Amino acid sequence: MKDINDRFDTTGQRFLRGHQVTDRDGSARFTTIFPGWYRGRTVHIHFMIRTSPGDDIGEEFASQLYFDDGIFRSGGSQLLLDVTEGGGVYRAIFDIGLQDG
């Protein structure tokens, strides 16, 4: 049986990219690794939301979600992930609402 760390071994990889289509309720779930850290930047995950990704006309919204660390502590809480631990994994839920038009 493979260890969960073997499934997410990213040794030698620079970027992790993927996409997910929302369900009927507009929800999407992602499984990823805890991102690496580099000097001068807080630990973060980039995301982009696209409406009508298969069409020429659509909207895009891009941002970042942050983990609580020494660099970002005074940066506010709107994009800060509330991470919980349980069963050997970490979990964070972040709700995003989009207004049409």
PDB file of N, CA and C in Angstrom:
ATOM      1  N   MET A   1       0.845  -1.184   0.000  1.00  0.00           N
ATOM      2  CA  MET A   1       0.000   0.000   0.000  1.00  0.00           C
ATOM      3  C   MET A   1       0.886   1.242   0.000  1.00  0.00           C
ATOM      4  N   LYS A   2       0.586   2.185  -0.900  1.00  0.00           N
ATOM      5  CA  LYS A   2       1.373   3.410  -1.013  1.00  0.00           C
ATOM      6  C   LYS A   2       1.022   4.384   0.093  1.00  0.00           C
ATOM      7  N   ASP A   3       2.040   5.046   0.590  1.00  0.00           N
ATOM      8  CA  ASP A   3       1.864   6.125   1.552  1.00  0.00           C
ATOM      9  C   ASP A   3       1.321   7.346   0.819  1.00  0.00           C
ATOM     10  N   ILE A   4       0.500   8.154   1.478  1.00  0.00           N
ATOM     11  CA  ILE A   4      -0.060   9.345   0.849  1.00  0.00           C
ATOM     12  C   ILE A   4       1.035  10.274   0.348  1.00  0.00           C
ATOM     13  N   ASN A   5       2.184  10.305   1.026  1.00  0.00           N
ATOM     14  CA  ASN A   5       3.287  11.159   0.586  1.00  0.00           C
ATOM     15  C   ASN A   5       3.872  10.683  -0.742  1.00  0.00           C
ATOM     16  N   ASP A   6       3.815   9.385  -1.030  1.00  0.00           N
ATOM     17  CA  ASP A   6       4.284   8.867  -2.309  1.00  0.00           C
ATOM     18  C   ASP A   6       3.394   9.346  -3.453  1.00  0.00           C
ATOM     19  N   ARG A   7       2.113   9.442  -3.207  1.00  0.00           N
ATOM     20  CA  ARG A   7       1.188   9.892  -4.250  1.00  0.00           C
ATOM     21  C   ARG A   7       1.415  11.351  -4.609  1.00  0.00           C
ATOM     22  N   PHE A   8       1.880  12.149  -3.672  1.00  0.00           N
ATOM     23  CA  PHE A   8       2.054  13.569  -3.901  1.00  0.00           C
ATOM     24  C   PHE A   8       3.529  13.976  -3.914  1.00  0.00           C
ATOM     25  N   ASP A   9       4.399  13.086  -4.338  1.00  0.00           N
ATOM     26  CA  ASP A   9       5.820  13.399  -4.410  1.00  0.00           C
ATOM     27  C   ASP A   9       6.048  14.329  -5.597  1.00  0.00           C
ATOM     28  N   THR A  10       6.456  15.554  -5.329  1.00  0.00           N
ATOM     29  CA  THR A  10       6.653  16.551  -6.372  1.00  0.00           C
ATOM     30  C   THR A  10       8.119  16.905  -6.550  1.00  0.00           C
ATOM     31  N   THR A  11       9.004  16.023  -6.130  1.00  0.00           N
ATOM     32  CA  THR A  11      10.435  16.271  -6.243  1.00  0.00           C
ATOM     33  C   THR A  11      10.780  16.603  -7.690  1.00  0.00           C
ATOM     34  N   GLY A  12      11.462  17.737  -7.884  1.00  0.00           N
ATOM     35  CA  GLY A  12      11.888  18.149  -9.210  1.00  0.00           C
ATOM     36  C   GLY A  12      10.857  18.913 -10.017  1.00  0.00           C
ATOM     37  N   GLN A  13       9.639  19.049  -9.505  1.00  0.00           N
ATOM     38  CA  GLN A  13       8.601  19.785 -10.217  1.00  0.00           C
ATOM     39  C   GLN A  13       8.575  21.227  -9.744  1.00  0.00           C
ATOM     40  N   ARG A  14       8.394  22.169 -10.683  1.00  0.00           N
ATOM     41  CA  ARG A  14       8.331  23.588 -10.320  1.00  0.00           C
ATOM     42  C   ARG A  14       6.916  24.049 -10.046  1.00  0.00           C
ATOM     43  N   PHE A  15       5.975  23.616 -10.861  1.00  0.00           N
ATOM     44  CA  PHE A  15       4.617  24.105 -10.726  1.00  0.00           C
ATOM     45  C   PHE A  15       3.646  22.935 -10.719  1.00  0.00           C
ATOM     46  N   LEU A  16       2.600  23.053  -9.957  1.00  0.00           N
ATOM     47  CA  LEU A  16       1.513  22.074  -9.958  1.00  0.00           C
ATOM     48  C   LEU A  16       0.293  22.774 -10.529  1.00  0.00           C
ATOM     49  N   ARG A  17      -0.265  22.236 -11.575  1.00  0.00           N
ATOM     50  CA  ARG A  17      -1.415  22.869 -12.208  1.00  0.00           C
ATOM     51  C   ARG A  17      -2.503  21.833 -12.406  1.00  0.00           C
ATOM     52  N   GLY A  18      -3.715  22.305 -12.408  1.00  0.00           N
ATOM     53  CA  GLY A  18      -4.844  21.428 -12.644  1.00  0.00           C
ATOM     54  C   GLY A  18      -6.091  22.245 -12.852  1.00  0.00           C
ATOM     55  N   HIS A  19      -7.175  21.581 -13.110  1.00  0.00           N
ATOM     56  CA  HIS A  19      -8.448  22.279 -13.246  1.00  0.00           C
ATOM     57  C   HIS A  19      -9.561  21.383 -12.734  1.00  0.00           C
ATOM     58  N   GLN A  20     -10.670  22.006 -12.426  1.00  0.00           N
ATOM     59  CA  GLN A  20     -11.813  21.280 -11.894  1.00  0.00           C
ATOM     60  C   GLN A  20     -13.082  21.969 -12.373  1.00  0.00           C
ATOM     61  N   VAL A  21     -14.048  21.207 -12.813  1.00  0.00           N
ATOM     62  CA  VAL A  21     -15.356  21.727 -13.188  1.00  0.00           C
ATOM     63  C   VAL A  21     -16.261  21.610 -11.965  1.00  0.00           C
ATOM     64  N   THR A  22     -17.056  22.642 -11.721  1.00  0.00           N
ATOM     65  CA  THR A  22     -17.941  22.615 -10.554  1.00  0.00           C
ATOM     66  C   THR A  22     -19.098  21.649 -10.764  1.00  0.00           C
ATOM     67  N   ASP A  23     -19.668  21.223  -9.650  1.00  0.00           N
ATOM     68  CA  ASP A  23     -20.842  20.358  -9.713  1.00  0.00           C
ATOM     69  C   ASP A  23     -22.104  21.206  -9.893  1.00  0.00           C
ATOM     70  N   ARG A  24     -23.266  20.599  -9.809  1.00  0.00           N
ATOM     71  CA  ARG A  24     -24.538  21.322  -9.997  1.00  0.00           C
ATOM     72  C   ARG A  24     -24.734  22.465  -9.017  1.00  0.00           C
ATOM     73  N   ASP A  25     -24.145  22.322  -7.829  1.00  0.00           N
ATOM     74  CA  ASP A  25     -24.267  23.361  -6.798  1.00  0.00           C
ATOM     75  C   ASP A  25     -23.190  24.439  -6.926  1.00  0.00           C
ATOM     76  N   GLY A  26     -22.312  24.300  -7.910  1.00  0.00           N
ATOM     77  CA  GLY A  26     -21.244  25.272  -8.090  1.00  0.00           C
ATOM     78  C   GLY A  26     -20.049  25.020  -7.195  1.00  0.00           C
ATOM     79  N   SER A  27     -19.927  23.810  -6.649  1.00  0.00           N
ATOM     80  CA  SER A  27     -18.820  23.481  -5.747  1.00  0.00           C
ATOM     81  C   SER A  27     -17.742  22.692  -6.475  1.00  0.00           C
ATOM     82  N   ALA A  28     -16.507  22.922  -6.066  1.00  0.00           N
ATOM     83  CA  ALA A  28     -15.373  22.161  -6.578  1.00  0.00           C
ATOM     84  C   ALA A  28     -14.494  21.783  -5.393  1.00  0.00           C
ATOM     85  N   ARG A  29     -13.845  20.640  -5.462  1.00  0.00           N
ATOM     86  CA  ARG A  29     -12.931  20.185  -4.414  1.00  0.00           C
ATOM     87  C   ARG A  29     -11.582  19.898  -5.036  1.00  0.00           C
ATOM     88  N   PHE A  30     -10.530  20.253  -4.323  1.00  0.00           N
ATOM     89  CA  PHE A  30      -9.173  20.036  -4.790  1.00  0.00           C
ATOM     90  C   PHE A  30      -8.381  19.310  -3.718  1.00  0.00           C
ATOM     91  N   THR A  31      -7.530  18.417  -4.145  1.00  0.00           N
ATOM     92  CA  THR A  31      -6.554  17.791  -3.270  1.00  0.00           C
ATOM     93  C   THR A  31      -5.195  18.212  -3.786  1.00  0.00           C
ATOM     94  N   THR A  32      -4.362  18.727  -2.914  1.00  0.00           N
ATOM     95  CA  THR A  32      -3.057  19.209  -3.320  1.00  0.00           C
ATOM     96  C   THR A  32      -2.060  18.976  -2.193  1.00  0.00           C
ATOM     97  N   ILE A  33      -0.868  19.442  -2.381  1.00  0.00           N
ATOM     98  CA  ILE A  33       0.138  19.381  -1.338  1.00  0.00           C
ATOM     99  C   ILE A  33       0.247  20.754  -0.684  1.00  0.00           C
ATOM    100  N   PHE A  34       0.883  20.794   0.470  1.00  0.00           N
ATOM    101  CA  PHE A  34       1.178  22.078   1.095  1.00  0.00           C
ATOM    102  C   PHE A  34       2.271  22.724   0.258  1.00  0.00           C
ATOM    103  N   PRO A  35       2.035  23.942  -0.225  1.00  0.00           N
ATOM    104  CA  PRO A  35       3.005  24.558  -1.138  1.00  0.00           C
ATOM    105  C   PRO A  35       4.326  24.883  -0.465  1.00  0.00           C
ATOM    106  N   GLY A  36       5.363  24.948  -1.284  1.00  0.00           N
ATOM    107  CA  GLY A  36       6.690  25.296  -0.791  1.00  0.00           C
ATOM    108  C   GLY A  36       6.790  26.766  -0.436  1.00  0.00           C
ATOM    109  N   TRP A  37       7.870  27.093   0.213  1.00  0.00           N
ATOM    110  CA  TRP A  37       8.109  28.461   0.664  1.00  0.00           C
ATOM    111  C   TRP A  37       9.360  28.981  -0.003  1.00  0.00           C
ATOM    112  N   TYR A  38       9.372  30.261  -0.322  1.00  0.00           N
ATOM    113  CA  TYR A  38      10.603  30.887  -0.774  1.00  0.00           C
ATOM    114  C   TYR A  38      10.699  32.281  -0.175  1.00  0.00           C
ATOM    115  N   ARG A  39      11.925  32.757  -0.014  1.00  0.00           N
ATOM    116  CA  ARG A  39      12.225  33.995   0.700  1.00  0.00           C
ATOM    117  C   ARG A  39      11.387  35.179   0.205  1.00  0.00           C
ATOM    118  N   GLY A  40      10.803  35.896   1.179  1.00  0.00           N
ATOM    119  CA  GLY A  40      10.066  37.110   0.862  1.00  0.00           C
ATOM    120  C   GLY A  40       8.623  36.914   0.459  1.00  0.00           C
ATOM    121  N   ARG A  41       8.170  35.682   0.383  1.00  0.00           N
ATOM    122  CA  ARG A  41       6.773  35.413  -0.002  1.00  0.00           C
ATOM    123  C   ARG A  41       6.114  34.532   1.049  1.00  0.00           C
ATOM    124  N   THR A  42       4.874  34.829   1.331  1.00  0.00           N
ATOM    125  CA  THR A  42       4.122  33.962   2.228  1.00  0.00           C
ATOM    126  C   THR A  42       3.712  32.696   1.474  1.00  0.00           C
ATOM    127  N   VAL A  43       3.455  31.631   2.192  1.00  0.00           N
ATOM    128  CA  VAL A  43       3.004  30.385   1.581  1.00  0.00           C
ATOM    129  C   VAL A  43       1.590  30.615   1.040  1.00  0.00           C
ATOM    130  N   HIS A  44       1.388  30.289  -0.231  1.00  0.00           N
ATOM    131  CA  HIS A  44       0.110  30.604  -0.871  1.00  0.00           C
ATOM    132  C   HIS A  44      -0.208  29.619  -1.995  1.00  0.00           C
ATOM    133  N   ILE A  45      -1.463  29.660  -2.413  1.00  0.00           N
ATOM    134  CA  ILE A  45      -1.957  28.876  -3.544  1.00  0.00           C
ATOM    135  C   ILE A  45      -2.655  29.849  -4.487  1.00  0.00           C
ATOM    136  N   HIS A  46      -2.323  29.787  -5.764  1.00  0.00           N
ATOM    137  CA  HIS A  46      -3.005  30.596  -6.772  1.00  0.00           C
ATOM    138  C   HIS A  46      -4.259  29.870  -7.241  1.00  0.00           C
ATOM    139  N   PHE A  47      -5.284  30.633  -7.614  1.00  0.00           N
ATOM    140  CA  PHE A  47      -6.454  30.027  -8.232  1.00  0.00           C
ATOM    141  C   PHE A  47      -7.045  30.983  -9.251  1.00  0.00           C
ATOM    142  N   MET A  48      -7.780  30.428 -10.201  1.00  0.00           N
ATOM    143  CA  MET A  48      -8.486  31.219 -11.189  1.00  0.00           C
ATOM    144  C   MET A  48      -9.860  30.602 -11.405  1.00  0.00           C
ATOM    145  N   ILE A  49     -10.854  31.446 -11.517  1.00  0.00           N
ATOM    146  CA  ILE A  49     -12.212  31.004 -11.812  1.00  0.00           C
ATOM    147  C   ILE A  49     -12.571  31.532 -13.189  1.00  0.00           C
ATOM    148  N   ARG A  50     -13.072  30.660 -14.027  1.00  0.00           N
ATOM    149  CA  ARG A  50     -13.500  31.049 -15.373  1.00  0.00           C
ATOM    150  C   ARG A  50     -14.960  30.674 -15.561  1.00  0.00           C
ATOM    151  N   THR A  51     -15.735  31.601 -16.079  1.00  0.00           N
ATOM    152  CA  THR A  51     -17.102  31.290 -16.475  1.00  0.00           C
ATOM    153  C   THR A  51     -17.073  30.932 -17.950  1.00  0.00           C
ATOM    154  N   SER A  52     -17.852  29.995 -18.343  1.00  0.00           N
ATOM    155  CA  SER A  52     -17.916  29.553 -19.741  1.00  0.00           C
ATOM    156  C   SER A  52     -16.533  29.304 -20.332  1.00  0.00           C
ATOM    157  N   PRO A  53     -15.747  28.398 -19.744  1.00  0.00           N
ATOM    158  CA  PRO A  53     -14.364  28.207 -20.206  1.00  0.00           C
ATOM    159  C   PRO A  53     -14.244  27.723 -21.642  1.00  0.00           C
ATOM    160  N   GLY A  54     -15.278  27.120 -22.188  1.00  0.00           N
ATOM    161  CA  GLY A  54     -15.219  26.639 -23.570  1.00  0.00           C
ATOM    162  C   GLY A  54     -15.621  27.677 -24.591  1.00  0.00           C
ATOM    163  N   ASP A  55     -16.084  28.846 -24.155  1.00  0.00           N
ATOM    164  CA  ASP A  55     -16.544  29.890 -25.057  1.00  0.00           C
ATOM    165  C   ASP A  55     -15.504  30.985 -25.199  1.00  0.00           C
ATOM    166  N   ASP A  56     -15.604  31.758 -26.278  1.00  0.00           N
ATOM    167  CA  ASP A  56     -14.734  32.915 -26.457  1.00  0.00           C
ATOM    168  C   ASP A  56     -15.098  34.031 -25.490  1.00  0.00           C
ATOM    169  N   ILE A  57     -16.360  34.084 -25.093  1.00  0.00           N
ATOM    170  CA  ILE A  57     -16.826  35.124 -24.166  1.00  0.00           C
ATOM    171  C   ILE A  57     -16.995  34.494 -22.798  1.00  0.00           C
ATOM    172  N   GLY A  58     -16.415  35.098 -21.818  1.00  0.00           N
ATOM    173  CA  GLY A  58     -16.503  34.606 -20.447  1.00  0.00           C
ATOM    174  C   GLY A  58     -15.755  35.547 -19.534  1.00  0.00           C
ATOM    175  N   GLU A  59     -15.842  35.332 -18.263  1.00  0.00           N
ATOM    176  CA  GLU A  59     -15.164  36.162 -17.276  1.00  0.00           C
ATOM    177  C   GLU A  59     -14.090  35.335 -16.584  1.00  0.00           C
ATOM    178  N   GLU A  60     -13.040  36.014 -16.109  1.00  0.00           N
ATOM    179  CA  GLU A  60     -11.994  35.367 -15.335  1.00  0.00           C
ATOM    180  C   GLU A  60     -11.726  36.154 -14.068  1.00  0.00           C
ATOM    181  N   PHE A  61     -11.480  35.426 -12.998  1.00  0.00           N
ATOM    182  CA  PHE A  61     -11.097  36.029 -11.722  1.00  0.00           C
ATOM    183  C   PHE A  61      -9.933  35.222 -11.184  1.00  0.00           C
ATOM    184  N   ALA A  62      -8.809  35.890 -10.907  1.00  0.00           N
ATOM    185  CA  ALA A  62      -7.627  35.213 -10.382  1.00  0.00           C
ATOM    186  C   ALA A  62      -7.229  35.844  -9.053  1.00  0.00           C
ATOM    187  N   SER A  63      -6.764  35.017  -8.127  1.00  0.00           N
ATOM    188  CA  SER A  63      -6.322  35.518  -6.834  1.00  0.00           C
ATOM    189  C   SER A  63      -5.416  34.473  -6.184  1.00  0.00           C
ATOM    190  N   GLN A  64      -5.117  34.669  -4.915  1.00  0.00           N
ATOM    191  CA  GLN A  64      -4.303  33.741  -4.142  1.00  0.00           C
ATOM    192  C   GLN A  64      -4.950  33.532  -2.783  1.00  0.00           C
ATOM    193  N   LEU A  65      -4.763  32.352  -2.232  1.00  0.00           N
ATOM    194  CA  LEU A  65      -5.179  32.045  -0.875  1.00  0.00           C
ATOM    195  C   LEU A  65      -3.909  31.834  -0.055  1.00  0.00           C
ATOM    196  N   TYR A  66      -3.913  32.338   1.162  1.00  0.00           N
ATOM    197  CA  TYR A  66      -2.700  32.362   1.985  1.00  0.00           C
ATOM    198  C   TYR A  66      -2.821  31.477   3.219  1.00  0.00           C
ATOM    199  N   PHE A  67      -1.680  30.984   3.657  1.00  0.00           N
ATOM    200  CA  PHE A  67      -1.583  30.255   4.906  1.00  0.00           C
ATOM    201  C   PHE A  67      -1.023  31.201   5.959  1.00  0.00           C
ATOM    202  N   ASP A  68      -1.443  31.042   7.197  1.00  0.00           N
ATOM    203  CA  ASP A  68      -1.003  31.898   8.288  1.00  0.00           C
ATOM    204  C   ASP A  68       0.475  31.638   8.561  1.00  0.00           C
ATOM    205  N   ASP A  69       1.296  32.630   8.359  1.00  0.00           N
ATOM    206  CA  ASP A  69       2.715  32.527   8.695  1.00  0.00           C
ATOM    207  C   ASP A  69       3.236  33.912   9.094  1.00  0.00           C
ATOM    208  N   GLY A  70       4.485  33.974   9.430  1.00  0.00           N
ATOM    209  CA  GLY A  70       5.073  35.214   9.926  1.00  0.00           C
ATOM    210  C   GLY A  70       5.009  36.365   8.946  1.00  0.00           C
ATOM    211  N   ILE A  71       5.066  36.079   7.652  1.00  0.00           N
ATOM    212  CA  ILE A  71       5.052  37.143   6.651  1.00  0.00           C
ATOM    213  C   ILE A  71       3.656  37.731   6.505  1.00  0.00           C
ATOM    214  N   PHE A  72       2.636  36.897   6.499  1.00  0.00           N
ATOM    215  CA  PHE A  72       1.281  37.355   6.174  1.00  0.00           C
ATOM    216  C   PHE A  72       0.436  37.713   7.391  1.00  0.00           C
ATOM    217  N   ARG A  73       0.919  37.495   8.584  1.00  0.00           N
ATOM    218  CA  ARG A  73       0.096  37.663   9.787  1.00  0.00           C
ATOM    219  C   ARG A  73      -0.662  38.975   9.835  1.00  0.00           C
ATOM    220  N   SER A  74      -0.064  40.075   9.375  1.00  0.00           N
ATOM    221  CA  SER A  74      -0.740  41.369   9.460  1.00  0.00           C
ATOM    222  C   SER A  74      -1.428  41.734   8.150  1.00  0.00           C
ATOM    223  N   GLY A  75      -1.598  40.794   7.254  1.00  0.00           N
ATOM    224  CA  GLY A  75      -2.159  41.078   5.936  1.00  0.00           C
ATOM    225  C   GLY A  75      -3.665  41.041   5.847  1.00  0.00           C
ATOM    226  N   GLY A  76      -4.356  40.788   6.934  1.00  0.00           N
ATOM    227  CA  GLY A  76      -5.808  40.706   6.875  1.00  0.00           C
ATOM    228  C   GLY A  76      -6.265  39.265   6.821  1.00  0.00           C
ATOM    229  N   SER A  77      -7.558  39.080   6.820  1.00  0.00           N
ATOM    230  CA  SER A  77      -8.074  37.718   6.897  1.00  0.00           C
ATOM    231  C   SER A  77      -8.950  37.317   5.712  1.00  0.00           C
ATOM    232  N   GLN A  78      -9.181  38.191   4.763  1.00  0.00           N
ATOM    233  CA  GLN A  78     -10.122  37.868   3.694  1.00  0.00           C
ATOM    234  C   GLN A  78      -9.677  36.706   2.812  1.00  0.00           C
ATOM    235  N   LEU A  79      -8.391  36.551   2.586  1.00  0.00           N
ATOM    236  CA  LEU A  79      -7.885  35.469   1.747  1.00  0.00           C
ATOM    237  C   LEU A  79      -7.054  34.461   2.532  1.00  0.00           C
ATOM    238  N   LEU A  80      -7.183  34.498   3.843  1.00  0.00           N
ATOM    239  CA  LEU A  80      -6.423  33.615   4.711  1.00  0.00           C
ATOM    240  C   LEU A  80      -7.178  32.303   4.909  1.00  0.00           C
ATOM    241  N   LEU A  81      -6.502  31.183   4.678  1.00  0.00           N
ATOM    242  CA  LEU A  81      -7.117  29.870   4.857  1.00  0.00           C
ATOM    243  C   LEU A  81      -7.122  29.483   6.324  1.00  0.00           C
ATOM    244  N   ASP A  82      -8.228  28.949   6.773  1.00  0.00           N
ATOM    245  CA  ASP A  82      -8.349  28.421   8.129  1.00  0.00           C
ATOM    246  C   ASP A  82      -8.119  26.915   8.041  1.00  0.00           C
ATOM    247  N   VAL A  83      -6.908  26.490   8.318  1.00  0.00           N
ATOM    248  CA  VAL A  83      -6.502  25.102   8.126  1.00  0.00           C
ATOM    249  C   VAL A  83      -6.736  24.314   9.407  1.00  0.00           C
ATOM    250  N   THR A  84      -7.347  23.136   9.263  1.00  0.00           N
ATOM    251  CA  THR A  84      -7.544  22.225  10.385  1.00  0.00           C
ATOM    252  C   THR A  84      -6.846  20.905  10.058  1.00  0.00           C
ATOM    253  N   GLU A  85      -6.467  20.181  11.091  1.00  0.00           N
ATOM    254  CA  GLU A  85      -5.794  18.908  10.923  1.00  0.00           C
ATOM    255  C   GLU A  85      -6.679  17.804  11.482  1.00  0.00           C
ATOM    256  N   GLY A  86      -6.688  16.679  10.788  1.00  0.00           N
ATOM    257  CA  GLY A  86      -7.447  15.531  11.267  1.00  0.00           C
ATOM    258  C   GLY A  86      -7.183  14.325  10.399  1.00  0.00           C
ATOM    259  N   GLY A  87      -6.990  13.185  11.006  1.00  0.00           N
ATOM    260  CA  GLY A  87      -6.777  11.945  10.266  1.00  0.00           C
ATOM    261  C   GLY A  87      -5.528  11.949   9.407  1.00  0.00           C
ATOM    262  N   GLY A  88      -4.509  12.693   9.813  1.00  0.00           N
ATOM    263  CA  GLY A  88      -3.263  12.712   9.078  1.00  0.00           C
ATOM    264  C   GLY A  88      -3.248  13.630   7.872  1.00  0.00           C
ATOM    265  N   VAL A  89      -4.302  14.416   7.685  1.00  0.00           N
ATOM    266  CA  VAL A  89      -4.344  15.367   6.575  1.00  0.00           C
ATOM    267  C   VAL A  89      -4.743  16.741   7.094  1.00  0.00           C
ATOM    268  N   TYR A  90      -4.476  17.749   6.297  1.00  0.00           N
ATOM    269  CA  TYR A  90      -4.894  19.111   6.606  1.00  0.00           C
ATOM    270  C   TYR A  90      -6.020  19.483   5.659  1.00  0.00           C
ATOM    271  N   ARG A  91      -6.950  20.294   6.147  1.00  0.00           N
ATOM    272  CA  ARG A  91      -8.112  20.655   5.344  1.00  0.00           C
ATOM    273  C   ARG A  91      -8.423  22.126   5.527  1.00  0.00           C
ATOM    274  N   ALA A  92      -8.808  22.769   4.451  1.00  0.00           N
ATOM    275  CA  ALA A  92      -9.257  24.155   4.498  1.00  0.00           C
ATOM    276  C   ALA A  92     -10.421  24.306   3.531  1.00  0.00           C
ATOM    277  N   ILE A  93     -11.401  25.062   3.923  1.00  0.00           N
ATOM    278  CA  ILE A  93     -12.556  25.355   3.081  1.00  0.00           C
ATOM    279  C   ILE A  93     -12.571  26.860   2.868  1.00  0.00           C
ATOM    280  N   PHE A  94     -12.749  27.261   1.616  1.00  0.00           N
ATOM    281  CA  PHE A  94     -12.797  28.675   1.281  1.00  0.00           C
ATOM    282  C   PHE A  94     -13.950  28.895   0.327  1.00  0.00           C
ATOM    283  N   ASP A  95     -14.942  29.652   0.743  1.00  0.00           N
ATOM    284  CA  ASP A  95     -16.118  29.928  -0.090  1.00  0.00           C
ATOM    285  C   ASP A  95     -15.875  31.177  -0.932  1.00  0.00           C
ATOM    286  N   ILE A  96     -16.213  31.071  -2.204  1.00  0.00           N
ATOM    287  CA  ILE A  96     -16.109  32.198  -3.128  1.00  0.00           C
ATOM    288  C   ILE A  96     -17.456  32.371  -3.805  1.00  0.00           C
ATOM    289  N   GLY A  97     -17.978  33.571  -3.755  1.00  0.00           N
ATOM    290  CA  GLY A  97     -19.240  33.873  -4.428  1.00  0.00           C
ATOM    291  C   GLY A  97     -18.995  34.807  -5.589  1.00  0.00           C
ATOM    292  N   LEU A  98     -19.583  34.498  -6.721  1.00  0.00           N
ATOM    293  CA  LEU A  98     -19.467  35.343  -7.906  1.00  0.00           C
ATOM    294  C   LEU A  98     -20.822  35.940  -8.233  1.00  0.00           C
ATOM    295  N   GLN A  99     -20.819  37.201  -8.586  1.00  0.00           N
ATOM    296  CA  GLN A  99     -22.051  37.883  -8.968  1.00  0.00           C
ATOM    297  C   GLN A  99     -22.085  37.989 -10.483  1.00  0.00           C
ATOM    298  N   ASP A 100     -23.157  37.530 -11.093  1.00  0.00           N
ATOM    299  CA  ASP A 100     -23.294  37.572 -12.549  1.00  0.00           C
ATOM    300  C   ASP A 100     -23.672  38.985 -12.983  1.00  0.00           C
ATOM    301  N   GLY A 101     -22.994  39.447 -14.023  1.00  0.00           N
ATOM    302  CA  GLY A 101     -23.365  40.732 -14.628  1.00  0.00           C
ATOM    303  C   GLY A 101     -22.751  41.871 -13.980  1.00  0.00           C
TER     304      GLY A 101
END
